[in-house]
Amino acid sequence: MAMKRTLLELTQDLLVSLDGDEVTDIAETTEAAQVASIVRQCFYEIASNYELPEHCTFFELTETSASTPVVMTKPTDVINITWIKYDNGLSAEGVTQYDEVLFQPRDEFFRIMDTLREDDDSVDTFTKTISSDSFSFKCYNDRSPSYYTTYDDNTIVFDSYDDSEETYLRKNKTWCFGVKEQSWTHSNSFVPPLDHKLSNLLFQKAKTQCFAELKQTENPLALRKERRAELTLIKNKADINADNTWYYYNSRQLPNYGRK
């Protein structure tokens, strides 16, 4: 099992492979700084290409205001959303009841919403400005949300809210699951937030890139180890319940490791 290493340890081990100078700081020499930078590049490449369970977490959506009661947005550090739940419990009863809100394709969602009658007391209309243009939206005002859609992969529009409970959909009543961006701190003690399989892939990928960029040559052994690490990752995407695809909620969200 590959041990997790700090950025300094990764840099030191890579410098040994490159026959570089020994260092005690990632910025001690130009070569050390270049190696540390390559490790960071490889980290972000892995983080963007492999949406694995350790990158997933719970989070809340970002609320807007009473002027756009059924509009929320994806937090800036969230890459994608697997599911959304909303607390439909009645405040008078003091009960929390999270129910899943179902995704509906954009065209179908707005086609249904456009059929709502504005003279119906259970229907609200509001204006939302997108770029420099204003558009009229409709929604139900007498029930908790059942469906949502997005028109720009960031703004989330729901079909309803309950105005007897709130004036607009609230951040603290959402419960979502998805992939968040992985953060990086460029310091000696920083440990890249990857599991043991991805940590091994990070080292092998960085070694391959270091030889290519700093030595202008290929390292066949490093290339083979990088490929072996990728194959291991394909076979074992998760550490818990690894044999079941429902870990990813549905099979369409399984990472695609095929070469393009």
Protein backbone atom coordinates (compact mmCIF):
# COMPACT_ATOMS: atom_id res chain seq x y z
CA MET A 1 0.00 0.00 0.00
CA ALA A 2 1.36 3.41 -0.98
CA MET A 3 1.85 5.68 2.01
CA LYS A 4 0.62 9.23 1.88
CA ARG A 5 3.53 11.65 1.64
CA THR A 6 3.88 15.35 2.20
CA LEU A 7 4.72 17.59 -0.73
CA LEU A 8 8.29 17.86 0.56
CA GLU A 9 8.61 14.05 0.76
CA LEU A 10 7.20 13.66 -2.76
CA THR A 11 9.64 16.29 -4.03
CA GLN A 12 12.57 14.63 -2.26
CA ASP A 13 11.72 11.17 -3.60
CA LEU A 14 11.30 12.50 -7.13
CA LEU A 15 14.63 14.34 -6.92
CA VAL A 16 16.30 11.05 -5.96
CA SER A 17 14.87 9.48 -9.13
CA LEU A 18 16.14 12.46 -11.13
CA ASP A 19 19.60 12.34 -9.51
CA GLY A 20 18.93 15.82 -8.20
CA ASP A 21 20.31 17.59 -5.15
CA GLU A 22 19.05 16.78 -1.67
CA VAL A 23 16.76 19.47 -0.28
CA THR A 24 14.93 20.24 2.95
CA ASP A 25 12.49 22.73 1.39
CA ILE A 26 10.47 22.64 -1.84
CA ALA A 27 11.81 26.08 -2.73
CA GLU A 28 15.43 25.39 -1.82
CA THR A 29 16.57 24.92 -5.43
CA THR A 30 15.13 25.75 -8.84
CA GLU A 31 14.85 22.04 -9.61
CA ALA A 32 13.00 21.34 -6.36
CA ALA A 33 10.55 24.15 -7.09
CA GLN A 34 9.97 22.76 -10.59
CA VAL A 35 9.34 19.28 -9.23
CA ALA A 36 6.89 20.55 -6.60
CA SER A 37 5.08 22.50 -9.32
CA ILE A 38 4.80 19.35 -11.46
CA VAL A 39 3.35 17.45 -8.49
CA ARG A 40 0.71 20.17 -8.14
CA GLN A 41 -0.12 19.99 -11.87
CA CYS A 42 -0.50 16.21 -11.69
CA PHE A 43 -2.67 16.51 -8.59
CA TYR A 44 -5.15 18.80 -10.35
CA GLU A 45 -5.15 16.54 -13.40
CA ILE A 46 -6.04 13.55 -11.24
CA ALA A 47 -8.64 15.51 -9.28
CA SER A 48 -10.39 16.57 -12.49
CA ASN A 49 -10.20 13.20 -14.25
CA TYR A 50 -11.09 10.81 -11.43
CA GLU A 51 -14.35 11.57 -9.65
CA LEU A 52 -13.88 8.98 -6.95
CA PRO A 53 -15.80 8.55 -3.68
CA GLU A 54 -13.18 10.34 -1.57
CA HIS A 55 -13.91 13.50 -3.57
CA CYS A 56 -17.63 13.32 -2.70
CA THR A 57 -19.29 14.99 0.26
CA PHE A 58 -22.49 16.55 1.57
CA PHE A 59 -23.18 20.26 1.15
CA GLU A 60 -25.94 22.85 0.98
CA LEU A 61 -27.04 24.97 -1.96
CA THR A 62 -26.68 28.77 -2.00
CA GLU A 63 -29.97 30.61 -1.47
CA THR A 64 -31.02 33.76 -3.30
CA SER A 65 -33.87 35.97 -2.02
CA ALA A 66 -37.64 36.46 -1.86
CA SER A 67 -37.52 38.14 -5.28
CA THR A 68 -36.53 34.78 -6.82
CA PRO A 69 -38.14 32.35 -4.36
CA VAL A 70 -37.42 29.07 -6.16
CA VAL A 71 -33.94 29.89 -7.48
CA MET A 72 -30.78 28.61 -5.81
CA THR A 73 -27.22 28.20 -7.04
CA LYS A 74 -24.48 25.61 -6.88
CA PRO A 75 -21.69 26.54 -4.44
CA THR A 76 -18.57 27.73 -6.23
CA ASP A 77 -16.43 24.85 -4.91
CA VAL A 78 -18.84 22.13 -6.07
CA ILE A 79 -18.03 20.33 -9.32
CA ASN A 80 -21.24 18.37 -9.75
CA ILE A 81 -24.39 17.40 -7.89
CA THR A 82 -25.60 13.80 -7.58
CA TRP A 83 -28.79 14.44 -5.65
CA ILE A 84 -30.72 17.17 -3.85
CA LYS A 85 -33.04 16.77 -0.88
CA TYR A 86 -35.20 19.44 0.75
CA ASP A 87 -36.56 19.58 4.29
CA ASN A 88 -40.34 19.40 3.91
CA GLY A 89 -41.03 19.10 7.63
CA LEU A 90 -43.59 21.54 9.06
CA SER A 91 -42.10 24.07 11.44
CA ALA A 92 -45.17 23.92 13.68
CA GLU A 93 -44.54 20.22 14.26
CA GLY A 94 -40.79 20.65 14.78
CA VAL A 95 -40.05 17.68 12.55
CA THR A 96 -37.26 17.40 9.96
CA GLN A 97 -38.26 15.50 6.82
CA TYR A 98 -35.81 15.47 3.92
CA ASP A 99 -37.37 14.33 0.62
CA GLU A 100 -35.48 13.96 -2.62
CA VAL A 101 -36.17 16.55 -5.30
CA LEU A 102 -36.06 14.99 -8.75
CA PHE A 103 -34.16 16.40 -11.69
CA GLN A 104 -36.23 17.25 -14.76
CA PRO A 105 -34.74 18.11 -18.17
CA ARG A 106 -34.75 21.84 -18.84
CA ASP A 107 -37.18 21.90 -21.78
CA GLU A 108 -39.68 19.61 -20.09
CA PHE A 109 -39.49 21.55 -16.83
CA PHE A 110 -40.16 24.94 -18.39
CA ARG A 111 -42.84 23.53 -20.69
CA ILE A 112 -44.76 22.37 -17.62
CA MET A 113 -44.15 25.57 -15.67
CA ASP A 114 -45.33 27.69 -18.60
CA THR A 115 -48.74 26.00 -18.47
CA LEU A 116 -49.43 27.36 -14.97
CA ARG A 117 -52.16 29.99 -14.77
CA GLU A 118 -51.09 33.32 -13.32
CA ASP A 119 -54.59 33.94 -11.93
CA ASP A 120 -54.32 30.80 -9.79
CA ASP A 121 -53.74 31.68 -6.12
CA SER A 122 -51.34 28.75 -5.81
CA VAL A 123 -49.09 30.16 -8.55
CA ASP A 124 -46.46 32.90 -8.23
CA THR A 125 -44.66 34.77 -10.97
CA PHE A 126 -41.35 36.57 -10.65
CA THR A 127 -38.84 38.22 -12.93
CA LYS A 128 -35.24 37.10 -13.17
CA THR A 129 -32.52 38.97 -15.01
CA ILE A 130 -30.12 36.80 -17.00
CA SER A 131 -27.23 38.73 -18.52
CA SER A 132 -29.03 41.97 -19.46
CA ASP A 133 -32.40 40.40 -20.28
CA SER A 134 -35.40 39.88 -17.99
CA PHE A 135 -37.55 36.76 -18.03
CA SER A 136 -40.79 35.84 -16.28
CA PHE A 137 -40.78 32.61 -14.25
CA LYS A 138 -43.73 30.75 -12.73
CA CYS A 139 -43.85 28.41 -9.75
CA TYR A 140 -46.22 26.91 -7.20
CA ASN A 141 -46.36 28.64 -3.83
CA ASP A 142 -48.33 26.10 -1.80
CA ARG A 143 -46.05 23.06 -1.64
CA SER A 144 -42.49 21.96 -1.09
CA PRO A 145 -40.31 21.46 -4.18
CA SER A 146 -40.66 18.21 -6.14
CA TYR A 147 -38.60 18.91 -9.27
CA TYR A 148 -35.67 21.06 -10.30
CA THR A 149 -33.70 21.90 -13.42
CA THR A 150 -30.83 24.10 -14.55
CA TYR A 151 -30.34 26.26 -17.61
CA ASP A 152 -26.65 27.07 -17.19
CA ASP A 153 -25.25 24.20 -15.07
CA ASN A 154 -24.96 26.56 -12.10
CA THR A 155 -28.38 28.10 -11.42
CA ILE A 156 -30.95 25.69 -10.02
CA VAL A 157 -34.66 26.40 -10.54
CA PHE A 158 -37.25 24.51 -8.48
CA ASP A 159 -40.92 24.08 -9.28
CA SER A 160 -42.35 25.27 -5.97
CA TYR A 161 -42.01 26.57 -2.43
CA ASP A 162 -44.44 26.70 0.49
CA ASP A 163 -45.15 30.33 1.34
CA SER A 164 -46.85 29.30 4.56
CA GLU A 165 -43.42 28.11 5.76
CA GLU A 166 -40.97 30.50 4.09
CA THR A 167 -40.71 33.38 1.65
CA TYR A 168 -38.09 31.57 -0.47
CA LEU A 169 -36.13 28.31 -0.49
CA ARG A 170 -33.51 28.26 2.24
CA LYS A 171 -29.90 27.11 2.23
CA ASN A 172 -30.16 25.36 5.60
CA LYS A 173 -33.08 23.23 4.40
CA THR A 174 -31.14 21.69 1.50
CA TRP A 175 -29.08 18.52 1.74
CA CYS A 176 -27.02 17.66 -1.31
CA PHE A 177 -24.41 15.14 -2.31
CA GLY A 178 -21.79 15.50 -5.01
CA VAL A 179 -18.17 16.19 -5.88
CA LYS A 180 -16.28 19.14 -4.45
CA GLU A 181 -13.06 20.66 -5.73
CA GLN A 182 -9.92 19.43 -4.05
CA SER A 183 -7.83 22.17 -2.45
CA TRP A 184 -4.06 22.55 -2.62
CA THR A 185 -1.63 24.24 -0.24
CA HIS A 186 1.83 24.71 -1.71
CA SER A 187 3.86 24.04 1.43
CA ASN A 188 6.35 21.46 2.70
CA SER A 189 3.92 19.83 5.14
CA PHE A 190 0.92 19.66 2.79
CA VAL A 191 -0.40 16.13 2.18
CA PRO A 192 -2.39 15.85 -1.08
CA PRO A 193 -5.96 14.74 -0.19
CA LEU A 194 -5.91 11.48 -2.14
CA ASP A 195 -6.37 7.90 -0.99
CA HIS A 196 -3.54 5.35 -1.13
CA LYS A 197 -4.31 4.29 -4.73
CA LEU A 198 -4.45 7.85 -6.03
CA SER A 199 -1.37 8.81 -4.00
CA ASN A 200 0.57 6.12 -5.83
CA LEU A 201 -0.81 7.33 -9.17
CA LEU A 202 0.18 10.91 -8.30
CA PHE A 203 3.78 9.88 -7.62
CA GLN A 204 4.10 7.77 -10.78
CA LYS A 205 2.47 10.40 -12.97
CA ALA A 206 4.68 13.14 -11.51
CA LYS A 207 7.78 11.01 -12.08
CA THR A 208 6.86 10.47 -15.73
CA GLN A 209 6.26 14.19 -16.22
CA CYS A 210 9.45 15.18 -14.38
CA PHE A 211 11.56 13.03 -16.70
CA ALA A 212 9.74 14.39 -19.75
CA GLU A 213 10.02 18.07 -18.75
CA LEU A 214 13.25 18.26 -16.76
CA LYS A 215 15.31 15.52 -18.41
CA GLN A 216 13.71 15.66 -21.88
CA THR A 217 13.55 11.89 -21.87
CA GLU A 218 11.15 9.06 -21.13
CA ASN A 219 11.43 6.75 -18.15
CA PRO A 220 9.96 3.42 -19.36
CA LEU A 221 9.77 2.03 -15.82
CA ALA A 222 7.89 5.10 -14.57
CA LEU A 223 5.51 4.87 -17.53
CA ARG A 224 4.78 1.22 -16.77
CA LYS A 225 4.20 1.97 -13.09
CA GLU A 226 1.89 4.86 -13.96
CA ARG A 227 -0.14 2.61 -16.25
CA ARG A 228 -0.24 -0.11 -13.59
CA ALA A 229 -1.52 2.42 -11.05
CA GLU A 230 -4.26 3.49 -13.49
CA LEU A 231 -5.30 -0.13 -14.04
CA THR A 232 -5.46 -0.72 -10.29
CA LEU A 233 -7.68 2.32 -10.01
CA ILE A 234 -10.02 1.00 -12.70
CA LYS A 235 -10.45 -2.29 -10.86
CA ASN A 236 -10.91 -0.73 -7.43
CA LYS A 237 -12.77 2.58 -7.64
CA ALA A 238 -14.00 2.50 -4.06
CA ASP A 239 -12.63 1.23 -0.77
CA ILE A 240 -16.05 0.56 0.83
CA ASN A 241 -18.63 -1.60 -0.95
CA ALA A 242 -16.20 -1.62 -3.87
CA ASP A 243 -18.02 -4.26 -5.88
CA ASN A 244 -21.32 -2.40 -6.15
CA THR A 245 -21.92 0.33 -8.72
CA TRP A 246 -24.75 1.87 -6.68
CA TYR A 247 -22.01 3.47 -4.59
CA TYR A 248 -21.96 6.02 -7.41
CA TYR A 249 -25.74 6.49 -7.29
CA ASN A 250 -26.14 5.37 -10.89
CA SER A 251 -23.93 3.75 -13.48
CA ARG A 252 -23.83 6.83 -15.69
CA GLN A 253 -21.63 8.55 -13.12
CA LEU A 254 -18.92 5.92 -13.09
CA PRO A 255 -15.61 7.47 -14.12
CA ASN A 256 -14.59 6.78 -17.71
CA TYR A 257 -10.94 5.84 -17.88
CA GLY A 258 -10.87 5.02 -21.60
CA ARG A 259 -8.28 6.78 -23.68
CA LYS A 260 -9.58 9.35 -26.14
